[in-house]
Amino acid sequence: MNKGILITESELRTKISTGERVVVDFFATWCGPCARFSPIFEEFAKGLTEGENETSAFKLDVDEGPALCEELGVSSVPTVIIFEKSRAQKKHIGAFASVNELKKWINE
């Protein structure tokens, strides 16, 4: 499975509906903090391992998925949301400074 890839709104809805753990970076191409956070998120995504309790990581451009962003209350970027059991479980607004900081937040 490809990790840390750009995903469409429709594809993300499908991924969320599986009930699996999905970590999503909601970003915008015009956002400076998003540009700085992007390599951190991509490094995190590359480090994921496949297994029984697989976690997937994706990026959604908010300008390409406005309906879903509105449903989820994503009004600032970057925003990271963890989905499990087909629902948003955890939300963070703003960039993380490192992969370790992102992982720490995910595992809290």
N, C-alpha and C. Protein backbone atom coordinates (compact mmCIF):
# COMPACT_ATOMS: atom_id res chain seq x y z
N MET A 1 0.85 -1.19 0.00
CA MET A 1 0.00 0.00 0.00
C MET A 1 0.89 1.24 0.00
N ASN A 2 0.52 2.23 -0.78
CA ASN A 2 1.24 3.49 -0.79
C ASN A 2 0.88 4.30 0.44
N LYS A 3 1.88 4.83 1.10
CA LYS A 3 1.66 5.59 2.32
C LYS A 3 1.97 7.06 2.07
N GLY A 4 1.27 7.95 2.76
CA GLY A 4 1.57 9.37 2.67
C GLY A 4 1.30 9.97 1.31
N ILE A 5 0.27 9.51 0.64
CA ILE A 5 -0.03 10.00 -0.70
C ILE A 5 -1.17 11.00 -0.68
N LEU A 6 -1.20 11.78 -1.73
CA LEU A 6 -2.35 12.67 -1.92
C LEU A 6 -3.57 11.81 -2.21
N ILE A 7 -4.69 12.23 -1.68
CA ILE A 7 -5.92 11.44 -1.83
C ILE A 7 -7.05 12.40 -2.15
N THR A 8 -8.02 11.93 -2.92
CA THR A 8 -9.18 12.75 -3.23
C THR A 8 -10.19 12.64 -2.08
N GLU A 9 -11.15 13.55 -2.08
CA GLU A 9 -12.19 13.52 -1.06
C GLU A 9 -12.95 12.19 -1.11
N SER A 10 -13.30 11.75 -2.29
CA SER A 10 -14.03 10.49 -2.46
C SER A 10 -13.21 9.30 -1.96
N GLU A 11 -11.94 9.25 -2.31
CA GLU A 11 -11.07 8.16 -1.87
C GLU A 11 -10.93 8.16 -0.34
N LEU A 12 -10.82 9.36 0.24
CA LEU A 12 -10.68 9.46 1.68
C LEU A 12 -11.95 8.98 2.38
N ARG A 13 -13.10 9.36 1.85
CA ARG A 13 -14.36 8.87 2.44
C ARG A 13 -14.39 7.34 2.45
N THR A 14 -13.93 6.73 1.37
CA THR A 14 -13.88 5.27 1.28
C THR A 14 -12.93 4.69 2.31
N LYS A 15 -11.74 5.28 2.45
CA LYS A 15 -10.76 4.81 3.43
C LYS A 15 -11.31 4.91 4.84
N ILE A 16 -11.94 6.03 5.16
CA ILE A 16 -12.51 6.23 6.50
C ILE A 16 -13.58 5.19 6.78
N SER A 17 -14.38 4.87 5.77
CA SER A 17 -15.50 3.93 5.97
C SER A 17 -15.04 2.51 6.26
N THR A 18 -13.78 2.18 6.00
CA THR A 18 -13.28 0.83 6.28
C THR A 18 -13.15 0.58 7.78
N GLY A 19 -13.09 1.67 8.56
CA GLY A 19 -12.92 1.51 10.00
C GLY A 19 -11.48 1.41 10.44
N GLU A 20 -10.56 1.30 9.48
CA GLU A 20 -9.14 1.22 9.81
C GLU A 20 -8.64 2.56 10.34
N ARG A 21 -7.48 2.53 10.96
CA ARG A 21 -6.86 3.75 11.47
C ARG A 21 -6.23 4.52 10.31
N VAL A 22 -6.67 5.75 10.14
CA VAL A 22 -6.18 6.61 9.06
C VAL A 22 -5.77 7.95 9.66
N VAL A 23 -4.56 8.39 9.36
CA VAL A 23 -4.07 9.69 9.79
C VAL A 23 -4.04 10.58 8.56
N VAL A 24 -4.69 11.75 8.64
CA VAL A 24 -4.81 12.62 7.47
C VAL A 24 -4.27 14.01 7.77
N ASP A 25 -3.44 14.48 6.86
CA ASP A 25 -2.93 15.85 6.89
C ASP A 25 -3.80 16.66 5.92
N PHE A 26 -4.62 17.55 6.47
CA PHE A 26 -5.42 18.46 5.65
C PHE A 26 -4.56 19.70 5.44
N PHE A 27 -4.26 20.02 4.18
CA PHE A 27 -3.32 21.08 3.86
C PHE A 27 -3.83 21.93 2.71
N ALA A 28 -3.09 23.01 2.43
CA ALA A 28 -3.37 23.83 1.25
C ALA A 28 -2.04 24.16 0.58
N THR A 29 -2.06 24.20 -0.73
CA THR A 29 -0.82 24.47 -1.48
C THR A 29 -0.29 25.87 -1.23
N TRP A 30 -1.15 26.80 -0.85
CA TRP A 30 -0.77 28.19 -0.63
C TRP A 30 -0.35 28.47 0.82
N CYS A 31 -0.33 27.45 1.67
CA CYS A 31 -0.08 27.59 3.11
C CYS A 31 1.39 27.36 3.45
N GLY A 32 2.06 28.38 3.98
CA GLY A 32 3.47 28.27 4.37
C GLY A 32 3.73 27.20 5.43
N PRO A 33 3.00 27.21 6.56
CA PRO A 33 3.20 26.17 7.56
C PRO A 33 2.96 24.76 7.02
N CYS A 34 2.01 24.64 6.08
CA CYS A 34 1.75 23.34 5.46
C CYS A 34 2.97 22.86 4.68
N ALA A 35 3.61 23.78 3.96
CA ALA A 35 4.79 23.43 3.17
C ALA A 35 5.93 22.98 4.08
N ARG A 36 6.07 23.61 5.25
CA ARG A 36 7.12 23.21 6.19
C ARG A 36 6.80 21.87 6.86
N PHE A 37 5.51 21.59 7.09
CA PHE A 37 5.10 20.35 7.74
C PHE A 37 5.08 19.17 6.78
N SER A 38 4.89 19.41 5.51
CA SER A 38 4.74 18.34 4.53
C SER A 38 5.86 17.29 4.58
N PRO A 39 7.15 17.67 4.59
CA PRO A 39 8.19 16.63 4.63
C PRO A 39 8.18 15.84 5.94
N ILE A 40 7.74 16.46 7.02
CA ILE A 40 7.65 15.75 8.31
C ILE A 40 6.56 14.69 8.22
N PHE A 41 5.39 15.08 7.69
CA PHE A 41 4.29 14.12 7.56
C PHE A 41 4.67 13.00 6.61
N GLU A 42 5.33 13.33 5.51
CA GLU A 42 5.73 12.31 4.54
C GLU A 42 6.76 11.35 5.14
N GLU A 43 7.67 11.86 5.96
CA GLU A 43 8.64 10.99 6.63
C GLU A 43 7.91 10.05 7.61
N PHE A 44 6.95 10.60 8.34
CA PHE A 44 6.13 9.77 9.23
C PHE A 44 5.44 8.66 8.43
N ALA A 45 4.82 9.02 7.33
CA ALA A 45 4.08 8.06 6.51
C ALA A 45 4.99 6.95 5.98
N LYS A 46 6.19 7.32 5.57
CA LYS A 46 7.14 6.31 5.06
C LYS A 46 7.55 5.33 6.14
N GLY A 47 7.53 5.78 7.41
CA GLY A 47 7.94 4.93 8.51
C GLY A 47 6.87 3.96 8.99
N LEU A 48 5.68 4.07 8.47
CA LEU A 48 4.61 3.16 8.89
C LEU A 48 4.87 1.76 8.38
N THR A 49 4.53 0.79 9.19
CA THR A 49 4.68 -0.60 8.77
C THR A 49 3.32 -1.22 8.63
N GLU A 50 3.24 -2.14 7.71
CA GLU A 50 1.97 -2.84 7.52
C GLU A 50 1.87 -3.96 8.52
N GLY A 51 0.68 -4.23 8.98
CA GLY A 51 0.47 -5.29 9.94
C GLY A 51 -1.01 -5.45 10.21
N GLU A 52 -1.30 -6.19 11.24
CA GLU A 52 -2.70 -6.47 11.56
C GLU A 52 -3.46 -5.19 11.90
N ASN A 53 -2.84 -4.29 12.66
CA ASN A 53 -3.47 -3.03 13.03
C ASN A 53 -2.85 -1.90 12.22
N GLU A 54 -2.95 -2.00 10.94
CA GLU A 54 -2.31 -1.08 10.02
C GLU A 54 -2.84 0.34 10.16
N THR A 55 -1.91 1.27 10.10
CA THR A 55 -2.25 2.69 10.05
C THR A 55 -1.84 3.20 8.69
N SER A 56 -2.73 3.93 8.04
CA SER A 56 -2.43 4.56 6.76
C SER A 56 -2.35 6.06 6.95
N ALA A 57 -1.56 6.72 6.12
CA ALA A 57 -1.43 8.17 6.20
C ALA A 57 -1.66 8.76 4.82
N PHE A 58 -2.47 9.82 4.78
CA PHE A 58 -2.80 10.47 3.52
C PHE A 58 -2.83 11.97 3.68
N LYS A 59 -2.78 12.66 2.57
CA LYS A 59 -2.85 14.12 2.53
C LYS A 59 -4.02 14.52 1.65
N LEU A 60 -4.84 15.46 2.16
CA LEU A 60 -5.96 15.97 1.37
C LEU A 60 -5.83 17.48 1.26
N ASP A 61 -5.80 17.96 0.04
CA ASP A 61 -5.78 19.41 -0.24
C ASP A 61 -7.18 19.94 0.07
N VAL A 62 -7.27 20.87 1.01
CA VAL A 62 -8.59 21.37 1.44
C VAL A 62 -9.35 22.04 0.29
N ASP A 63 -8.63 22.58 -0.68
CA ASP A 63 -9.29 23.21 -1.83
C ASP A 63 -9.87 22.18 -2.78
N GLU A 64 -9.45 20.92 -2.64
CA GLU A 64 -9.96 19.84 -3.49
C GLU A 64 -11.03 19.01 -2.78
N GLY A 65 -11.22 19.26 -1.48
CA GLY A 65 -12.21 18.49 -0.72
C GLY A 65 -12.99 19.36 0.25
N PRO A 66 -13.61 20.43 -0.24
CA PRO A 66 -14.27 21.38 0.67
C PRO A 66 -15.47 20.81 1.43
N ALA A 67 -16.22 19.93 0.85
CA ALA A 67 -17.41 19.39 1.53
C ALA A 67 -17.01 18.57 2.77
N LEU A 68 -16.03 17.69 2.60
CA LEU A 68 -15.57 16.88 3.73
C LEU A 68 -14.93 17.75 4.80
N CYS A 69 -14.16 18.74 4.37
CA CYS A 69 -13.53 19.65 5.33
C CYS A 69 -14.58 20.39 6.16
N GLU A 70 -15.64 20.81 5.50
CA GLU A 70 -16.72 21.49 6.22
C GLU A 70 -17.39 20.55 7.22
N GLU A 71 -17.65 19.31 6.80
CA GLU A 71 -18.27 18.32 7.68
C GLU A 71 -17.42 18.06 8.92
N LEU A 72 -16.10 18.08 8.74
CA LEU A 72 -15.18 17.76 9.83
C LEU A 72 -14.75 18.99 10.62
N GLY A 73 -15.18 20.17 10.19
CA GLY A 73 -14.82 21.39 10.89
C GLY A 73 -13.38 21.81 10.67
N VAL A 74 -12.82 21.45 9.52
CA VAL A 74 -11.46 21.86 9.20
C VAL A 74 -11.52 23.26 8.62
N SER A 75 -11.12 24.23 9.43
CA SER A 75 -11.17 25.63 8.98
C SER A 75 -9.80 26.29 9.01
N SER A 76 -8.81 25.59 9.53
CA SER A 76 -7.43 26.07 9.55
C SER A 76 -6.52 24.97 9.03
N VAL A 77 -5.44 25.37 8.42
CA VAL A 77 -4.47 24.39 7.91
C VAL A 77 -3.07 24.76 8.39
N PRO A 78 -2.25 23.76 8.62
CA PRO A 78 -2.55 22.33 8.53
C PRO A 78 -3.39 21.85 9.71
N THR A 79 -4.19 20.84 9.45
CA THR A 79 -4.94 20.13 10.49
C THR A 79 -4.69 18.64 10.28
N VAL A 80 -4.39 17.95 11.36
CA VAL A 80 -4.18 16.51 11.30
C VAL A 80 -5.32 15.85 12.07
N ILE A 81 -5.97 14.88 11.44
CA ILE A 81 -7.06 14.16 12.09
C ILE A 81 -6.77 12.66 12.02
N ILE A 82 -7.01 11.99 13.15
CA ILE A 82 -6.90 10.53 13.20
C ILE A 82 -8.32 9.96 13.16
N PHE A 83 -8.54 9.07 12.21
CA PHE A 83 -9.83 8.38 12.07
C PHE A 83 -9.64 6.93 12.50
N GLU A 84 -10.58 6.43 13.29
CA GLU A 84 -10.64 5.02 13.66
C GLU A 84 -12.10 4.66 13.79
N LYS A 85 -12.41 3.45 13.42
CA LYS A 85 -13.80 2.97 13.51
C LYS A 85 -14.73 3.91 12.75
N SER A 86 -14.26 4.41 11.63
CA SER A 86 -15.03 5.25 10.70
C SER A 86 -15.41 6.62 11.27
N ARG A 87 -14.71 7.06 12.32
CA ARG A 87 -15.01 8.37 12.93
C ARG A 87 -13.73 9.11 13.26
N ALA A 88 -13.81 10.42 13.24
CA ALA A 88 -12.69 11.25 13.68
C ALA A 88 -12.52 11.06 15.18
N GLN A 89 -11.34 10.64 15.59
CA GLN A 89 -11.07 10.37 17.00
C GLN A 89 -10.25 11.46 17.67
N LYS A 90 -9.42 12.14 16.87
CA LYS A 90 -8.49 13.10 17.44
C LYS A 90 -8.14 14.12 16.36
N LYS A 91 -8.00 15.40 16.78
CA LYS A 91 -7.76 16.47 15.82
C LYS A 91 -6.71 17.43 16.37
N HIS A 92 -5.77 17.82 15.53
CA HIS A 92 -4.74 18.79 15.91
C HIS A 92 -4.66 19.87 14.83
N ILE A 93 -4.76 21.12 15.26
CA ILE A 93 -4.64 22.24 14.33
C ILE A 93 -3.25 22.82 14.46
N GLY A 94 -2.55 22.91 13.34
CA GLY A 94 -1.19 23.44 13.32
C GLY A 94 -0.19 22.36 12.96
N ALA A 95 1.01 22.80 12.63
CA ALA A 95 2.07 21.89 12.21
C ALA A 95 2.80 21.30 13.41
N PHE A 96 3.37 20.14 13.22
CA PHE A 96 4.26 19.54 14.20
C PHE A 96 5.68 19.85 13.77
N ALA A 97 6.58 20.02 14.74
CA ALA A 97 7.97 20.40 14.44
C ALA A 97 8.83 19.22 14.04
N SER A 98 8.39 18.00 14.37
CA SER A 98 9.20 16.82 14.06
C SER A 98 8.31 15.59 13.96
N VAL A 99 8.88 14.53 13.39
CA VAL A 99 8.17 13.26 13.31
C VAL A 99 7.89 12.74 14.71
N ASN A 100 8.87 12.87 15.61
CA ASN A 100 8.69 12.39 16.97
C ASN A 100 7.54 13.11 17.67
N GLU A 101 7.43 14.42 17.46
CA GLU A 101 6.33 15.18 18.05
C GLU A 101 4.99 14.68 17.52
N LEU A 102 4.91 14.43 16.22
CA LEU A 102 3.68 13.90 15.60
C LEU A 102 3.35 12.53 16.18
N LYS A 103 4.34 11.64 16.26
CA LYS A 103 4.10 10.30 16.80
C LYS A 103 3.65 10.36 18.27
N LYS A 104 4.26 11.24 19.03
CA LYS A 104 3.89 11.38 20.45
C LYS A 104 2.42 11.78 20.56
N TRP A 105 2.00 12.74 19.75
CA TRP A 105 0.59 13.17 19.77
C TRP A 105 -0.34 12.03 19.36
N ILE A 106 0.03 11.30 18.34
CA ILE A 106 -0.80 10.18 17.85
C ILE A 106 -0.96 9.12 18.94
N ASN A 107 0.09 8.86 19.67
CA ASN A 107 0.07 7.78 20.66
C ASN A 107 -0.37 8.20 22.05
N GLU A 108 -0.73 9.48 22.24
CA GLU A 108 -1.20 9.94 23.55
C GLU A 108 -2.50 9.29 23.92
